[in-house]
Amino acid sequence: MAADLLKLSATLGVTFEHVERLEEALTHRSYLNENPSWPLPNNERLEYLGDAVLELAVTEELYRRFPDDQEGRLTSLRAALVNYQMLATIARELSLDRYLYLSRGEARDTGKAREVILANAIEAVIGAVYLDQGYEAAKRLVETRVLTRIDEVVTKGLERDPKSMLQEHIQEERKLTPTYRVLKEEGPDHQRQFVVGVYFGDELIAEGSGTSKQEAEVRAAQAALRAIDRNARHA
């Protein structure tokens, strides 16, 4: 194992059986454009896997730690823990940017694009640990690097109301205010179900359902925030 990867493995607390999995997790697709003979694929498949492992580990802990909280708040807490800004911060604490395989152009970028690359890389690393060492090892990494942020999220109110978060984000990005429209109502009065869409102008962005219009609006906002985060990562 190269000395630099050995140091990173020690920082992660993982001894890889197949170090090439860690190297793959650090390989951005831009690097392959300039180095077509590189023997490994880019990290996007590992990112996809790591995203699922991360979400499960975080969901398990939130379910255990907050037994009296409803699904809506748990979802907001999870979103605050796994959004790309938080993950990029964690990646920097691990000095992951020093180990990334990037094109020369991407290596010079220090803006939002680098944040997204770092967030995707930490998910890919989690995926690599899962493949190499199994779920429990990947969960330990999540526990030591991500779940330690729960108190910070709660104390700072980072899991704010999804509608307020969405409105703040879209007013900053697009200079408009999200609107909500009831798309469907069904069921008897005592078991009414609402489906609400959230719109940016005339564009339907996401939908949510609930037993009240307010609940459906919150879930639509949560879905929109997830979509925005996902799109930012793959822009």
C-alpha atoms as a PDB file:
ATOM      1  CA  MET A   1       0.000   0.000   0.000  1.00  0.00           C
ATOM      2  CA  ALA A   2       1.344   3.442  -0.893  1.00  0.00           C
ATOM      3  CA  ALA A   3       2.398   5.451   2.141  1.00  0.00           C
ATOM      4  CA  ASP A   4      -0.187   8.169   1.569  1.00  0.00           C
ATOM      5  CA  LEU A   5      -3.049   5.657   1.356  1.00  0.00           C
ATOM      6  CA  LEU A   6      -1.709   3.899   4.446  1.00  0.00           C
ATOM      7  CA  LYS A   7      -1.936   7.208   6.298  1.00  0.00           C
ATOM      8  CA  LEU A   8      -5.484   7.790   5.066  1.00  0.00           C
ATOM      9  CA  SER A   9      -6.496   4.262   6.061  1.00  0.00           C
ATOM     10  CA  ALA A  10      -5.150   4.919   9.557  1.00  0.00           C
ATOM     11  CA  THR A  11      -7.140   8.150   9.736  1.00  0.00           C
ATOM     12  CA  LEU A  12     -10.263   6.268   8.687  1.00  0.00           C
ATOM     13  CA  GLY A  13      -9.544   3.514  11.200  1.00  0.00           C
ATOM     14  CA  VAL A  14      -9.756   0.844   8.496  1.00  0.00           C
ATOM     15  CA  THR A  15      -7.215  -1.694   7.259  1.00  0.00           C
ATOM     16  CA  PHE A  16      -8.226  -2.495   3.695  1.00  0.00           C
ATOM     17  CA  GLU A  17      -7.825  -5.993   2.308  1.00  0.00           C
ATOM     18  CA  HIS A  18      -8.128  -4.557  -1.198  1.00  0.00           C
ATOM     19  CA  VAL A  19      -6.592  -1.087  -1.198  1.00  0.00           C
ATOM     20  CA  GLU A  20      -7.660  -0.549  -4.806  1.00  0.00           C
ATOM     21  CA  ARG A  21     -11.194  -0.065  -3.480  1.00  0.00           C
ATOM     22  CA  LEU A  22      -9.998   2.962  -1.552  1.00  0.00           C
ATOM     23  CA  GLU A  23      -8.157   4.250  -4.618  1.00  0.00           C
ATOM     24  CA  GLU A  24     -11.321   3.823  -6.681  1.00  0.00           C
ATOM     25  CA  ALA A  25     -13.279   5.789  -4.066  1.00  0.00           C
ATOM     26  CA  LEU A  26     -10.833   8.670  -4.551  1.00  0.00           C
ATOM     27  CA  THR A  27     -10.953   8.654  -8.377  1.00  0.00           C
ATOM     28  CA  HIS A  28     -13.058  11.465  -9.839  1.00  0.00           C
ATOM     29  CA  ARG A  29     -14.299  11.011 -13.373  1.00  0.00           C
ATOM     30  CA  SER A  30     -12.324  14.069 -14.535  1.00  0.00           C
ATOM     31  CA  TYR A  31      -9.069  12.280 -13.706  1.00  0.00           C
ATOM     32  CA  LEU A  32      -9.864   9.513 -16.191  1.00  0.00           C
ATOM     33  CA  ASN A  33     -10.285  12.070 -18.975  1.00  0.00           C
ATOM     34  CA  GLU A  34      -6.647  13.095 -18.566  1.00  0.00           C
ATOM     35  CA  ASN A  35      -5.365   9.638 -17.591  1.00  0.00           C
ATOM     36  CA  PRO A  36      -7.154   7.106 -19.818  1.00  0.00           C
ATOM     37  CA  SER A  37      -4.722   4.337 -18.836  1.00  0.00           C
ATOM     38  CA  TRP A  38      -5.665   4.600 -15.149  1.00  0.00           C
ATOM     39  CA  PRO A  39      -6.610   1.010 -14.202  1.00  0.00           C
ATOM     40  CA  LEU A  40      -9.590   1.851 -11.982  1.00  0.00           C
ATOM     41  CA  PRO A  41     -13.105   3.170 -12.722  1.00  0.00           C
ATOM     42  CA  ASN A  42     -14.354   6.456 -11.329  1.00  0.00           C
ATOM     43  CA  ASN A  43     -15.955   6.525  -7.895  1.00  0.00           C
ATOM     44  CA  GLU A  44     -19.580   7.004  -8.922  1.00  0.00           C
ATOM     45  CA  ARG A  45     -20.690   3.413  -8.348  1.00  0.00           C
ATOM     46  CA  LEU A  46     -19.063   3.366  -4.903  1.00  0.00           C
ATOM     47  CA  GLU A  47     -20.705   6.719  -4.167  1.00  0.00           C
ATOM     48  CA  TYR A  48     -24.097   5.222  -5.040  1.00  0.00           C
ATOM     49  CA  LEU A  49     -23.460   2.302  -2.683  1.00  0.00           C
ATOM     50  CA  GLY A  50     -22.024   4.460   0.086  1.00  0.00           C
ATOM     51  CA  ASP A  51     -24.986   6.827  -0.045  1.00  0.00           C
ATOM     52  CA  ALA A  52     -27.328   3.929   0.782  1.00  0.00           C
ATOM     53  CA  VAL A  53     -25.077   2.620   3.575  1.00  0.00           C
ATOM     54  CA  LEU A  54     -24.750   6.118   5.052  1.00  0.00           C
ATOM     55  CA  GLU A  55     -28.491   6.707   4.989  1.00  0.00           C
ATOM     56  CA  LEU A  56     -29.215   3.378   6.682  1.00  0.00           C
ATOM     57  CA  ALA A  57     -26.627   3.919   9.434  1.00  0.00           C
ATOM     58  CA  VAL A  58     -27.867   7.452  10.126  1.00  0.00           C
ATOM     59  CA  THR A  59     -31.518   6.377  10.052  1.00  0.00           C
ATOM     60  CA  GLU A  60     -30.868   3.549  12.526  1.00  0.00           C
ATOM     61  CA  GLU A  61     -29.171   5.875  14.998  1.00  0.00           C
ATOM     62  CA  LEU A  62     -31.801   8.621  14.746  1.00  0.00           C
ATOM     63  CA  TYR A  63     -34.581   6.061  15.197  1.00  0.00           C
ATOM     64  CA  ARG A  64     -32.857   4.760  18.326  1.00  0.00           C
ATOM     65  CA  ARG A  65     -31.824   8.108  19.800  1.00  0.00           C
ATOM     66  CA  PHE A  66     -35.098   9.984  19.304  1.00  0.00           C
ATOM     67  CA  PRO A  67     -37.843   7.470  20.166  1.00  0.00           C
ATOM     68  CA  ASP A  68     -40.530  10.134  20.600  1.00  0.00           C
ATOM     69  CA  ASP A  69     -39.905  12.073  17.368  1.00  0.00           C
ATOM     70  CA  GLN A  70     -42.086  11.670  14.321  1.00  0.00           C
ATOM     71  CA  GLU A  71     -40.929  10.762  10.831  1.00  0.00           C
ATOM     72  CA  GLY A  72     -40.883  14.374   9.656  1.00  0.00           C
ATOM     73  CA  ARG A  73     -38.327  15.583  12.195  1.00  0.00           C
ATOM     74  CA  LEU A  74     -36.214  12.446  11.829  1.00  0.00           C
ATOM     75  CA  THR A  75     -36.110  13.060   8.085  1.00  0.00           C
ATOM     76  CA  SER A  76     -35.053  16.670   8.643  1.00  0.00           C
ATOM     77  CA  LEU A  77     -32.303  15.614  11.057  1.00  0.00           C
ATOM     78  CA  ARG A  78     -31.021  13.039   8.586  1.00  0.00           C
ATOM     79  CA  ALA A  79     -31.040  15.572   5.751  1.00  0.00           C
ATOM     80  CA  ALA A  80     -28.975  17.982   7.863  1.00  0.00           C
ATOM     81  CA  LEU A  81     -26.432  15.252   8.586  1.00  0.00           C
ATOM     82  CA  VAL A  82     -25.963  13.963   5.043  1.00  0.00           C
ATOM     83  CA  ASN A  83     -26.288  17.042   2.826  1.00  0.00           C
ATOM     84  CA  TYR A  84     -23.298  17.856   0.686  1.00  0.00           C
ATOM     85  CA  GLN A  85     -22.163  20.823   2.785  1.00  0.00           C
ATOM     86  CA  MET A  86     -21.941  18.718   5.948  1.00  0.00           C
ATOM     87  CA  LEU A  87     -20.254  15.821   4.147  1.00  0.00           C
ATOM     88  CA  ALA A  88     -17.749  18.169   2.512  1.00  0.00           C
ATOM     89  CA  THR A  89     -16.839  19.526   5.955  1.00  0.00           C
ATOM     90  CA  ILE A  90     -16.276  15.992   7.227  1.00  0.00           C
ATOM     91  CA  ALA A  91     -14.202  15.131   4.167  1.00  0.00           C
ATOM     92  CA  ARG A  92     -11.969  18.143   4.798  1.00  0.00           C
ATOM     93  CA  GLU A  93     -11.472  17.097   8.416  1.00  0.00           C
ATOM     94  CA  LEU A  94     -10.171  13.808   7.042  1.00  0.00           C
ATOM     95  CA  SER A  95      -7.921  15.782   4.631  1.00  0.00           C
ATOM     96  CA  LEU A  96      -9.609  13.827   1.857  1.00  0.00           C
ATOM     97  CA  ASP A  97      -8.948  16.590  -0.664  1.00  0.00           C
ATOM     98  CA  ARG A  98      -5.219  15.774  -0.423  1.00  0.00           C
ATOM     99  CA  TYR A  99      -5.836  12.233  -1.692  1.00  0.00           C
ATOM    100  CA  LEU A 100      -8.320  12.808  -4.518  1.00  0.00           C
ATOM    101  CA  TYR A 101      -7.423  11.924  -8.091  1.00  0.00           C
ATOM    102  CA  LEU A 102      -8.655  14.962 -10.039  1.00  0.00           C
ATOM    103  CA  SER A 103      -8.035  16.571 -13.383  1.00  0.00           C
ATOM    104  CA  ARG A 104      -5.835  19.660 -13.324  1.00  0.00           C
ATOM    105  CA  GLY A 105      -8.866  21.869 -13.846  1.00  0.00           C
ATOM    106  CA  GLU A 106     -10.883  20.297 -11.028  1.00  0.00           C
ATOM    107  CA  ALA A 107      -7.857  20.416  -8.734  1.00  0.00           C
ATOM    108  CA  ARG A 108      -7.758  24.212  -9.093  1.00  0.00           C
ATOM    109  CA  ASP A 109     -11.461  24.701  -8.307  1.00  0.00           C
ATOM    110  CA  THR A 110     -12.142  25.737  -4.734  1.00  0.00           C
ATOM    111  CA  GLY A 111     -15.826  26.632  -4.984  1.00  0.00           C
ATOM    112  CA  LYS A 112     -19.102  24.759  -4.750  1.00  0.00           C
ATOM    113  CA  ALA A 113     -17.968  22.140  -7.270  1.00  0.00           C
ATOM    114  CA  ARG A 114     -15.152  21.073  -4.943  1.00  0.00           C
ATOM    115  CA  GLU A 115     -17.620  20.819  -2.056  1.00  0.00           C
ATOM    116  CA  VAL A 116     -19.747  18.433  -4.099  1.00  0.00           C
ATOM    117  CA  ILE A 117     -16.729  16.360  -5.166  1.00  0.00           C
ATOM    118  CA  LEU A 118     -15.655  16.010  -1.527  1.00  0.00           C
ATOM    119  CA  ALA A 119     -19.155  15.017  -0.408  1.00  0.00           C
ATOM    120  CA  ASN A 120     -19.382  12.398  -3.134  1.00  0.00           C
ATOM    121  CA  ALA A 121     -15.923  11.112  -2.255  1.00  0.00           C
ATOM    122  CA  ILE A 122     -16.736  10.539   1.408  1.00  0.00           C
ATOM    123  CA  GLU A 123     -19.803   8.551   0.340  1.00  0.00           C
ATOM    124  CA  ALA A 124     -17.611   6.557  -2.038  1.00  0.00           C
ATOM    125  CA  VAL A 125     -15.155   5.851   0.785  1.00  0.00           C
ATOM    126  CA  ILE A 126     -18.030   4.562   2.930  1.00  0.00           C
ATOM    127  CA  GLY A 127     -19.034   2.331   0.012  1.00  0.00           C
ATOM    128  CA  ALA A 128     -15.453   1.063  -0.304  1.00  0.00           C
ATOM    129  CA  VAL A 129     -15.297   0.244   3.415  1.00  0.00           C
ATOM    130  CA  TYR A 130     -18.620  -1.581   3.139  1.00  0.00           C
ATOM    131  CA  LEU A 131     -17.391  -3.710   0.233  1.00  0.00           C
ATOM    132  CA  ASP A 132     -14.032  -4.429   1.841  1.00  0.00           C
ATOM    133  CA  GLN A 133     -14.937  -4.869   5.504  1.00  0.00           C
ATOM    134  CA  GLY A 134     -18.721  -5.196   5.712  1.00  0.00           C
ATOM    135  CA  TYR A 135     -21.566  -3.152   7.137  1.00  0.00           C
ATOM    136  CA  GLU A 136     -20.357  -2.979  10.747  1.00  0.00           C
ATOM    137  CA  ALA A 137     -17.029  -1.423   9.723  1.00  0.00           C
ATOM    138  CA  ALA A 138     -18.787   1.083   7.476  1.00  0.00           C
ATOM    139  CA  LYS A 139     -21.215   1.866  10.293  1.00  0.00           C
ATOM    140  CA  ARG A 140     -18.323   2.524  12.689  1.00  0.00           C
ATOM    141  CA  LEU A 141     -16.902   5.036  10.235  1.00  0.00           C
ATOM    142  CA  VAL A 142     -20.288   6.755  10.005  1.00  0.00           C
ATOM    143  CA  GLU A 143     -20.572   6.745  13.799  1.00  0.00           C
ATOM    144  CA  THR A 144     -17.186   8.364  14.354  1.00  0.00           C
ATOM    145  CA  ARG A 145     -17.371  10.918  11.549  1.00  0.00           C
ATOM    146  CA  VAL A 146     -21.039  11.701  10.918  1.00  0.00           C
ATOM    147  CA  LEU A 147     -23.167  10.731  13.902  1.00  0.00           C
ATOM    148  CA  THR A 148     -20.929  12.734  16.229  1.00  0.00           C
ATOM    149  CA  ARG A 149     -22.537  15.782  14.542  1.00  0.00           C
ATOM    150  CA  ILE A 150     -26.033  15.078  15.840  1.00  0.00           C
ATOM    151  CA  ASP A 151     -25.710  17.325  18.888  1.00  0.00           C
ATOM    152  CA  GLU A 152     -24.350  20.138  16.706  1.00  0.00           C
ATOM    153  CA  VAL A 153     -27.287  19.797  14.308  1.00  0.00           C
ATOM    154  CA  VAL A 154     -29.806  19.890  17.149  1.00  0.00           C
ATOM    155  CA  THR A 155     -28.105  22.711  19.074  1.00  0.00           C
ATOM    156  CA  LYS A 156     -27.780  24.942  16.003  1.00  0.00           C
ATOM    157  CA  GLY A 157     -31.226  24.067  14.677  1.00  0.00           C
ATOM    158  CA  LEU A 158     -29.798  22.858  11.391  1.00  0.00           C
ATOM    159  CA  GLU A 159     -32.817  20.608  10.941  1.00  0.00           C
ATOM    160  CA  ARG A 160     -35.094  23.620  10.520  1.00  0.00           C
ATOM    161  CA  ASP A 161     -38.558  23.466   9.041  1.00  0.00           C
ATOM    162  CA  PRO A 162     -38.180  22.141   5.466  1.00  0.00           C
ATOM    163  CA  LYS A 163     -40.521  24.767   3.990  1.00  0.00           C
ATOM    164  CA  SER A 164     -38.469  27.595   5.491  1.00  0.00           C
ATOM    165  CA  MET A 165     -35.214  25.991   4.330  1.00  0.00           C
ATOM    166  CA  LEU A 166     -36.546  25.555   0.802  1.00  0.00           C
ATOM    167  CA  GLN A 167     -37.876  29.105   0.638  1.00  0.00           C
ATOM    168  CA  GLU A 168     -34.582  30.555   1.863  1.00  0.00           C
ATOM    169  CA  HIS A 169     -32.589  28.511  -0.654  1.00  0.00           C
ATOM    170  CA  ILE A 170     -34.782  29.284  -3.669  1.00  0.00           C
ATOM    171  CA  GLN A 171     -35.110  32.972  -2.898  1.00  0.00           C
ATOM    172  CA  GLU A 172     -31.319  33.155  -2.821  1.00  0.00           C
ATOM    173  CA  GLU A 173     -30.780  31.027  -5.936  1.00  0.00           C
ATOM    174  CA  ARG A 174     -33.721  32.046  -8.144  1.00  0.00           C
ATOM    175  CA  LYS A 175     -35.177  35.149  -6.528  1.00  0.00           C
ATOM    176  CA  LEU A 176     -38.635  33.585  -6.252  1.00  0.00           C
ATOM    177  CA  THR A 177     -40.837  32.032  -3.585  1.00  0.00           C
ATOM    178  CA  PRO A 178     -41.974  28.379  -3.781  1.00  0.00           C
ATOM    179  CA  THR A 179     -45.709  27.846  -4.025  1.00  0.00           C
ATOM    180  CA  TYR A 180     -47.778  24.814  -3.051  1.00  0.00           C
ATOM    181  CA  ARG A 181     -50.825  23.399  -4.831  1.00  0.00           C
ATOM    182  CA  VAL A 182     -53.087  20.533  -3.889  1.00  0.00           C
ATOM    183  CA  LEU A 183     -52.862  18.005  -6.725  1.00  0.00           C
ATOM    184  CA  LYS A 184     -55.187  15.356  -5.319  1.00  0.00           C
ATOM    185  CA  GLU A 185     -57.573  14.695  -2.449  1.00  0.00           C
ATOM    186  CA  GLU A 186     -58.936  11.248  -1.771  1.00  0.00           C
ATOM    187  CA  GLY A 187     -60.472   9.093   0.940  1.00  0.00           C
ATOM    188  CA  PRO A 188     -63.321   9.690   3.386  1.00  0.00           C
ATOM    189  CA  ASP A 189     -63.352  12.841   5.521  1.00  0.00           C
ATOM    190  CA  HIS A 190     -61.952  11.083   8.573  1.00  0.00           C
ATOM    191  CA  GLN A 191     -59.094   9.517   6.556  1.00  0.00           C
ATOM    192  CA  ARG A 192     -58.428  12.238   4.020  1.00  0.00           C
ATOM    193  CA  GLN A 193     -55.204  12.018   2.023  1.00  0.00           C
ATOM    194  CA  PHE A 194     -53.710  15.034   0.274  1.00  0.00           C
ATOM    195  CA  VAL A 195     -51.079  15.135  -2.451  1.00  0.00           C
ATOM    196  CA  VAL A 196     -49.398  18.522  -2.752  1.00  0.00           C
ATOM    197  CA  GLY A 197     -46.952  19.761  -5.349  1.00  0.00           C
ATOM    198  CA  VAL A 198     -44.288  22.402  -4.731  1.00  0.00           C
ATOM    199  CA  TYR A 199     -43.658  24.731  -7.664  1.00  0.00           C
ATOM    200  CA  PHE A 200     -40.911  27.132  -8.621  1.00  0.00           C
ATOM    201  CA  GLY A 201     -42.912  29.449 -10.821  1.00  0.00           C
ATOM    202  CA  ASP A 202     -44.877  27.135 -13.114  1.00  0.00           C
ATOM    203  CA  GLU A 203     -42.391  24.262 -12.729  1.00  0.00           C
ATOM    204  CA  LEU A 204     -43.497  21.303 -10.586  1.00  0.00           C
ATOM    205  CA  ILE A 205     -40.439  20.322  -8.557  1.00  0.00           C
ATOM    206  CA  ALA A 206     -41.648  17.644  -6.155  1.00  0.00           C
ATOM    207  CA  GLU A 207     -44.708  16.117  -4.536  1.00  0.00           C
ATOM    208  CA  GLY A 208     -45.603  15.055  -1.017  1.00  0.00           C
ATOM    209  CA  SER A 209     -48.559  13.333   0.586  1.00  0.00           C
ATOM    210  CA  GLY A 210     -50.116  13.447   4.052  1.00  0.00           C
ATOM    211  CA  THR A 211     -53.277  13.399   6.087  1.00  0.00           C
ATOM    212  CA  SER A 212     -53.399  17.217   6.056  1.00  0.00           C
ATOM    213  CA  LYS A 213     -52.418  19.869   3.563  1.00  0.00           C
ATOM    214  CA  GLN A 214     -49.717  21.104   5.946  1.00  0.00           C
ATOM    215  CA  GLU A 215     -48.171  17.660   6.321  1.00  0.00           C
ATOM    216  CA  ALA A 216     -48.231  17.139   2.554  1.00  0.00           C
ATOM    217  CA  GLU A 217     -46.576  20.531   1.984  1.00  0.00           C
ATOM    218  CA  VAL A 218     -43.773  19.684   4.439  1.00  0.00           C
ATOM    219  CA  ARG A 219     -43.128  16.377   2.699  1.00  0.00           C
ATOM    220  CA  ALA A 220     -43.137  18.059  -0.707  1.00  0.00           C
ATOM    221  CA  ALA A 221     -40.548  20.552   0.587  1.00  0.00           C
ATOM    222  CA  GLN A 222     -38.426  17.684   1.950  1.00  0.00           C
ATOM    223  CA  ALA A 223     -38.573  15.941  -1.431  1.00  0.00           C
ATOM    224  CA  ALA A 224     -37.578  19.177  -3.190  1.00  0.00           C
ATOM    225  CA  LEU A 225     -34.613  19.687  -0.857  1.00  0.00           C
ATOM    226  CA  ARG A 226     -33.438  16.116  -1.517  1.00  0.00           C
ATOM    227  CA  ALA A 227     -33.742  16.703  -5.263  1.00  0.00           C
ATOM    228  CA  ILE A 228     -31.789  19.973  -5.038  1.00  0.00           C
ATOM    229  CA  ASP A 229     -29.025  18.309  -3.040  1.00  0.00           C
ATOM    230  CA  ARG A 230     -28.886  15.364  -5.449  1.00  0.00           C
ATOM    231  CA  ASN A 231     -28.770  17.651  -8.497  1.00  0.00           C
ATOM    232  CA  ALA A 232     -26.045  19.789  -6.927  1.00  0.00           C
ATOM    233  CA  ARG A 233     -23.888  16.714  -6.449  1.00  0.00           C
ATOM    234  CA  HIS A 234     -24.224  15.668 -10.082  1.00  0.00           C
ATOM    235  CA  ALA A 235     -24.224  19.049 -11.772  1.00  0.00           C
END
